[in-house]
Amino acid sequence: MKANFDQLIATLPRAPSEAWPAGVPFVDALSHGTMSVEVFAPNELDRQSPHAQDELYFIGRGSGTLTIDGVAHDCKAGDALFVRAGQAHRFTSFSKDFATWVVFWGPKGGEK
């Protein structure tokens, strides 16, 4: 399996939805078993809510701040960040070109 970051970014944002009125800012890239990979490029506002699985972000371009349970983590292209299943998190203060890989895996509720 292979996914190309630039080709996936070119498809964003997708059509608007009730949850994402400015357009859906993510696209599926790969999946296998419990693992799935997306590219996420928020447009103006990150509206995501906690997820059922553990997740890793690999920042592909730009910069921003990921706040996890109230703790802010500055990030830029080349950085990796981990968010446990169920943790509140949100990107803020991100650059206009910000985009990241997102990897979800494992059981609902996260690994123990």
N, C-alpha and C. Protein backbone atom coordinates (compact mmCIF):
# COMPACT_ATOMS: atom_id res chain seq x y z
N MET A 1 0.85 -1.18 0.00
CA MET A 1 0.00 0.00 0.00
C MET A 1 0.88 1.24 0.00
N LYS A 2 0.41 2.27 -0.64
CA LYS A 2 1.14 3.53 -0.71
C LYS A 2 0.14 4.67 -0.81
N ALA A 3 0.48 5.78 -0.16
CA ALA A 3 -0.33 7.00 -0.26
C ALA A 3 0.62 8.17 -0.49
N ASN A 4 0.19 9.14 -1.27
CA ASN A 4 1.01 10.30 -1.57
C ASN A 4 0.41 11.54 -0.91
N PHE A 5 1.18 12.16 -0.02
CA PHE A 5 0.72 13.31 0.76
C PHE A 5 0.21 14.44 -0.15
N ASP A 6 1.01 14.85 -1.13
CA ASP A 6 0.63 15.97 -1.99
C ASP A 6 -0.63 15.68 -2.80
N GLN A 7 -0.76 14.45 -3.30
CA GLN A 7 -1.96 14.10 -4.06
C GLN A 7 -3.20 14.13 -3.17
N LEU A 8 -3.06 13.67 -1.93
CA LEU A 8 -4.20 13.68 -1.01
C LEU A 8 -4.56 15.11 -0.62
N ILE A 9 -3.56 15.95 -0.35
CA ILE A 9 -3.81 17.36 0.01
C ILE A 9 -4.58 18.06 -1.10
N ALA A 10 -4.27 17.72 -2.35
CA ALA A 10 -4.92 18.36 -3.49
C ALA A 10 -6.43 18.10 -3.53
N THR A 11 -6.91 17.08 -2.80
CA THR A 11 -8.34 16.77 -2.79
C THR A 11 -9.09 17.52 -1.68
N LEU A 12 -8.38 18.28 -0.87
CA LEU A 12 -8.98 18.97 0.29
C LEU A 12 -9.16 20.46 0.04
N PRO A 13 -10.15 21.08 0.68
CA PRO A 13 -11.18 20.44 1.48
C PRO A 13 -12.20 19.75 0.58
N ARG A 14 -12.85 18.75 1.15
CA ARG A 14 -13.93 18.06 0.45
C ARG A 14 -15.22 18.82 0.67
N ALA A 15 -16.31 18.32 0.17
CA ALA A 15 -17.60 19.02 0.25
C ALA A 15 -17.97 19.32 1.71
N PRO A 16 -18.62 20.46 1.94
CA PRO A 16 -19.05 20.81 3.30
C PRO A 16 -20.04 19.79 3.87
N SER A 17 -20.04 19.71 5.19
CA SER A 17 -21.01 18.88 5.90
C SER A 17 -21.52 19.69 7.09
N GLU A 18 -22.48 19.15 7.80
CA GLU A 18 -23.01 19.86 8.97
C GLU A 18 -21.91 20.08 10.00
N ALA A 19 -21.07 19.08 10.21
CA ALA A 19 -19.98 19.19 11.18
C ALA A 19 -18.84 20.07 10.68
N TRP A 20 -18.67 20.14 9.37
CA TRP A 20 -17.56 20.88 8.76
C TRP A 20 -18.10 21.82 7.68
N PRO A 21 -18.72 22.94 8.05
CA PRO A 21 -19.34 23.84 7.07
C PRO A 21 -18.37 24.46 6.07
N ALA A 22 -17.08 24.54 6.40
CA ALA A 22 -16.10 25.10 5.47
C ALA A 22 -15.52 24.02 4.56
N GLY A 23 -16.02 22.80 4.66
CA GLY A 23 -15.53 21.68 3.86
C GLY A 23 -14.82 20.67 4.75
N VAL A 24 -15.02 19.39 4.47
CA VAL A 24 -14.40 18.33 5.26
C VAL A 24 -12.89 18.38 5.05
N PRO A 25 -12.10 18.54 6.15
CA PRO A 25 -10.67 18.78 6.02
C PRO A 25 -9.80 17.53 6.10
N PHE A 26 -10.36 16.35 5.91
CA PHE A 26 -9.55 15.14 5.96
C PHE A 26 -9.97 14.18 4.86
N VAL A 27 -9.02 13.32 4.50
CA VAL A 27 -9.27 12.32 3.47
C VAL A 27 -8.60 11.02 3.90
N ASP A 28 -9.27 9.89 3.68
CA ASP A 28 -8.70 8.58 3.99
C ASP A 28 -7.56 8.29 3.03
N ALA A 29 -6.48 7.70 3.57
CA ALA A 29 -5.32 7.37 2.75
C ALA A 29 -5.10 5.86 2.66
N LEU A 30 -5.05 5.19 3.82
CA LEU A 30 -4.78 3.76 3.87
C LEU A 30 -5.54 3.14 5.04
N SER A 31 -5.78 1.84 4.96
CA SER A 31 -6.33 1.14 6.12
C SER A 31 -5.97 -0.34 6.04
N HIS A 32 -5.83 -0.93 7.23
CA HIS A 32 -5.55 -2.36 7.34
C HIS A 32 -5.85 -2.77 8.77
N GLY A 33 -6.74 -3.73 8.95
CA GLY A 33 -7.09 -4.15 10.31
C GLY A 33 -7.63 -2.97 11.11
N THR A 34 -7.07 -2.74 12.30
CA THR A 34 -7.53 -1.62 13.14
C THR A 34 -6.85 -0.31 12.77
N MET A 35 -5.86 -0.35 11.87
CA MET A 35 -5.09 0.84 11.52
C MET A 35 -5.73 1.58 10.35
N SER A 36 -5.81 2.90 10.48
CA SER A 36 -6.22 3.73 9.35
C SER A 36 -5.35 4.98 9.34
N VAL A 37 -5.13 5.49 8.13
CA VAL A 37 -4.29 6.68 7.94
C VAL A 37 -5.11 7.70 7.17
N GLU A 38 -5.05 8.94 7.62
CA GLU A 38 -5.72 10.05 6.95
C GLU A 38 -4.72 11.18 6.76
N VAL A 39 -5.09 12.11 5.91
CA VAL A 39 -4.43 13.41 5.86
C VAL A 39 -5.46 14.42 6.34
N PHE A 40 -5.04 15.29 7.26
CA PHE A 40 -5.92 16.28 7.88
C PHE A 40 -5.33 17.66 7.66
N ALA A 41 -6.12 18.56 7.08
CA ALA A 41 -5.70 19.94 6.83
C ALA A 41 -6.84 20.87 7.23
N PRO A 42 -6.89 21.25 8.52
CA PRO A 42 -7.99 22.10 8.98
C PRO A 42 -7.98 23.45 8.26
N ASN A 43 -9.16 23.94 7.99
CA ASN A 43 -9.30 25.21 7.29
C ASN A 43 -9.91 26.22 8.27
N GLU A 44 -9.10 27.07 8.84
CA GLU A 44 -9.50 28.13 9.76
C GLU A 44 -9.79 27.64 11.17
N LEU A 45 -10.50 26.50 11.34
CA LEU A 45 -10.90 26.04 12.66
C LEU A 45 -10.88 24.52 12.72
N ASP A 46 -10.25 23.99 13.77
CA ASP A 46 -10.23 22.54 13.98
C ASP A 46 -11.43 22.18 14.84
N ARG A 47 -12.37 21.45 14.29
CA ARG A 47 -13.61 21.10 14.98
C ARG A 47 -13.62 19.66 15.48
N GLN A 48 -12.49 18.98 15.48
CA GLN A 48 -12.52 17.57 15.84
C GLN A 48 -12.82 17.35 17.33
N SER A 49 -13.32 16.17 17.62
CA SER A 49 -13.63 15.78 19.00
C SER A 49 -12.79 14.55 19.33
N PRO A 50 -12.75 14.13 20.60
CA PRO A 50 -11.95 12.96 20.96
C PRO A 50 -12.31 11.73 20.12
N HIS A 51 -11.31 10.89 19.89
CA HIS A 51 -11.47 9.70 19.06
C HIS A 51 -11.44 8.44 19.91
N ALA A 52 -12.03 7.38 19.41
CA ALA A 52 -12.11 6.11 20.14
C ALA A 52 -10.79 5.34 20.15
N GLN A 53 -9.90 5.65 19.20
CA GLN A 53 -8.62 4.94 19.10
C GLN A 53 -7.46 5.87 19.43
N ASP A 54 -6.31 5.27 19.81
CA ASP A 54 -5.08 6.04 19.94
C ASP A 54 -4.74 6.61 18.57
N GLU A 55 -4.00 7.74 18.58
CA GLU A 55 -3.62 8.32 17.29
C GLU A 55 -2.26 8.99 17.35
N LEU A 56 -1.61 8.97 16.22
CA LEU A 56 -0.34 9.67 16.02
C LEU A 56 -0.54 10.71 14.93
N TYR A 57 0.04 11.88 15.14
CA TYR A 57 0.09 12.91 14.11
C TYR A 57 1.53 13.04 13.66
N PHE A 58 1.76 13.01 12.36
CA PHE A 58 3.06 13.30 11.78
C PHE A 58 2.87 14.56 10.95
N ILE A 59 3.39 15.68 11.43
CA ILE A 59 3.16 16.95 10.76
C ILE A 59 3.90 16.96 9.42
N GLY A 60 3.14 17.13 8.35
CA GLY A 60 3.70 17.07 7.00
C GLY A 60 4.14 18.41 6.46
N ARG A 61 3.43 19.47 6.87
CA ARG A 61 3.83 20.81 6.42
C ARG A 61 3.20 21.85 7.34
N GLY A 62 3.84 23.01 7.38
CA GLY A 62 3.34 24.10 8.21
C GLY A 62 3.68 23.94 9.68
N SER A 63 2.97 24.72 10.50
CA SER A 63 3.21 24.71 11.95
C SER A 63 1.91 25.06 12.66
N GLY A 64 1.89 24.80 13.96
CA GLY A 64 0.71 25.12 14.76
C GLY A 64 0.92 24.71 16.20
N THR A 65 -0.17 24.63 16.92
CA THR A 65 -0.15 24.19 18.31
C THR A 65 -1.22 23.12 18.48
N LEU A 66 -0.83 21.99 19.05
CA LEU A 66 -1.79 20.95 19.38
C LEU A 66 -1.98 20.98 20.89
N THR A 67 -3.20 21.26 21.33
CA THR A 67 -3.51 21.26 22.75
C THR A 67 -4.17 19.93 23.09
N ILE A 68 -3.56 19.21 24.04
CA ILE A 68 -4.04 17.90 24.46
C ILE A 68 -4.40 18.00 25.94
N ASP A 69 -5.67 17.82 26.26
CA ASP A 69 -6.14 17.93 27.65
C ASP A 69 -5.61 19.19 28.32
N GLY A 70 -5.66 20.32 27.60
CA GLY A 70 -5.28 21.61 28.16
C GLY A 70 -3.81 21.94 28.11
N VAL A 71 -2.96 21.02 27.64
CA VAL A 71 -1.52 21.27 27.56
C VAL A 71 -1.16 21.55 26.11
N ALA A 72 -0.56 22.72 25.85
CA ALA A 72 -0.22 23.15 24.49
C ALA A 72 1.14 22.61 24.07
N HIS A 73 1.21 22.10 22.83
CA HIS A 73 2.45 21.58 22.25
C HIS A 73 2.65 22.25 20.90
N ASP A 74 3.65 23.12 20.79
CA ASP A 74 3.97 23.70 19.50
C ASP A 74 4.48 22.59 18.59
N CYS A 75 4.14 22.67 17.31
CA CYS A 75 4.57 21.64 16.37
C CYS A 75 4.83 22.25 15.00
N LYS A 76 5.67 21.53 14.24
CA LYS A 76 6.00 21.98 12.88
C LYS A 76 6.30 20.75 12.03
N ALA A 77 6.44 20.96 10.73
CA ALA A 77 6.73 19.87 9.81
C ALA A 77 7.90 19.05 10.34
N GLY A 78 7.72 17.73 10.34
CA GLY A 78 8.75 16.82 10.83
C GLY A 78 8.49 16.32 12.25
N ASP A 79 7.58 16.96 12.98
CA ASP A 79 7.27 16.54 14.36
C ASP A 79 6.23 15.42 14.38
N ALA A 80 6.28 14.62 15.44
CA ALA A 80 5.29 13.57 15.70
C ALA A 80 4.67 13.82 17.06
N LEU A 81 3.35 13.63 17.17
CA LEU A 81 2.64 13.83 18.43
C LEU A 81 1.69 12.66 18.66
N PHE A 82 1.55 12.25 19.92
CA PHE A 82 0.70 11.13 20.29
C PHE A 82 -0.48 11.64 21.10
N VAL A 83 -1.68 11.13 20.79
CA VAL A 83 -2.90 11.46 21.54
C VAL A 83 -3.57 10.14 21.91
N ARG A 84 -3.78 9.95 23.20
CA ARG A 84 -4.45 8.73 23.67
C ARG A 84 -5.93 8.76 23.28
N ALA A 85 -6.50 7.60 23.10
CA ALA A 85 -7.93 7.49 22.81
C ALA A 85 -8.72 8.24 23.88
N GLY A 86 -9.70 9.01 23.43
CA GLY A 86 -10.59 9.73 24.35
C GLY A 86 -10.08 11.06 24.85
N GLN A 87 -8.81 11.41 24.58
CA GLN A 87 -8.29 12.69 25.05
C GLN A 87 -8.83 13.84 24.21
N ALA A 88 -9.22 14.92 24.89
CA ALA A 88 -9.62 16.14 24.19
C ALA A 88 -8.37 16.74 23.55
N HIS A 89 -8.47 17.12 22.29
CA HIS A 89 -7.33 17.71 21.59
C HIS A 89 -7.81 18.55 20.42
N ARG A 90 -6.99 19.53 20.06
CA ARG A 90 -7.37 20.45 18.99
C ARG A 90 -6.13 21.20 18.52
N PHE A 91 -6.04 21.39 17.20
CA PHE A 91 -4.99 22.25 16.65
C PHE A 91 -5.47 23.69 16.65
N THR A 92 -4.60 24.60 17.05
CA THR A 92 -4.88 26.03 17.02
C THR A 92 -3.66 26.76 16.48
N SER A 93 -3.83 28.01 16.17
CA SER A 93 -2.72 28.86 15.72
C SER A 93 -1.90 28.18 14.62
N PHE A 94 -2.58 27.48 13.72
CA PHE A 94 -1.85 26.78 12.66
C PHE A 94 -1.69 27.67 11.43
N SER A 95 -0.59 27.43 10.72
CA SER A 95 -0.31 28.19 9.50
C SER A 95 -1.31 27.80 8.42
N LYS A 96 -1.44 28.68 7.44
CA LYS A 96 -2.41 28.46 6.36
C LYS A 96 -2.11 27.17 5.58
N ASP A 97 -0.83 26.79 5.52
CA ASP A 97 -0.45 25.59 4.77
C ASP A 97 -0.38 24.33 5.64
N PHE A 98 -0.83 24.40 6.90
CA PHE A 98 -0.71 23.28 7.83
C PHE A 98 -1.46 22.04 7.32
N ALA A 99 -0.78 20.90 7.39
CA ALA A 99 -1.39 19.60 7.07
C ALA A 99 -0.61 18.51 7.78
N THR A 100 -1.31 17.46 8.16
CA THR A 100 -0.67 16.38 8.92
C THR A 100 -1.22 15.02 8.53
N TRP A 101 -0.35 14.01 8.61
CA TRP A 101 -0.80 12.64 8.56
C TRP A 101 -1.43 12.33 9.91
N VAL A 102 -2.45 11.50 9.93
CA VAL A 102 -3.06 11.02 11.18
C VAL A 102 -3.15 9.50 11.08
N VAL A 103 -2.60 8.82 12.09
CA VAL A 103 -2.65 7.36 12.13
C VAL A 103 -3.47 6.94 13.34
N PHE A 104 -4.55 6.23 13.11
CA PHE A 104 -5.39 5.65 14.17
C PHE A 104 -5.11 4.15 14.21
N TRP A 105 -5.08 3.57 15.41
CA TRP A 105 -4.88 2.13 15.51
C TRP A 105 -5.34 1.62 16.87
N GLY A 106 -5.48 0.32 16.92
CA GLY A 106 -5.76 -0.36 18.18
C GLY A 106 -7.23 -0.44 18.52
N PRO A 107 -7.50 -1.00 19.70
CA PRO A 107 -8.88 -1.20 20.13
C PRO A 107 -9.55 0.10 20.53
N LYS A 108 -10.88 0.11 20.51
CA LYS A 108 -11.61 1.27 21.03
C LYS A 108 -11.23 1.43 22.50
N GLY A 109 -10.99 2.66 22.91
CA GLY A 109 -10.53 2.93 24.27
C GLY A 109 -9.02 2.98 24.37
N GLY A 110 -8.33 2.61 23.29
CA GLY A 110 -6.87 2.68 23.26
C GLY A 110 -6.19 1.48 23.88
N GLU A 111 -4.89 1.41 23.66
CA GLU A 111 -4.09 0.34 24.25
C GLU A 111 -3.83 0.66 25.71
N LYS A 112 -3.73 -0.35 26.52
CA LYS A 112 -3.52 -0.16 27.97
C LYS A 112 -2.09 -0.43 28.34
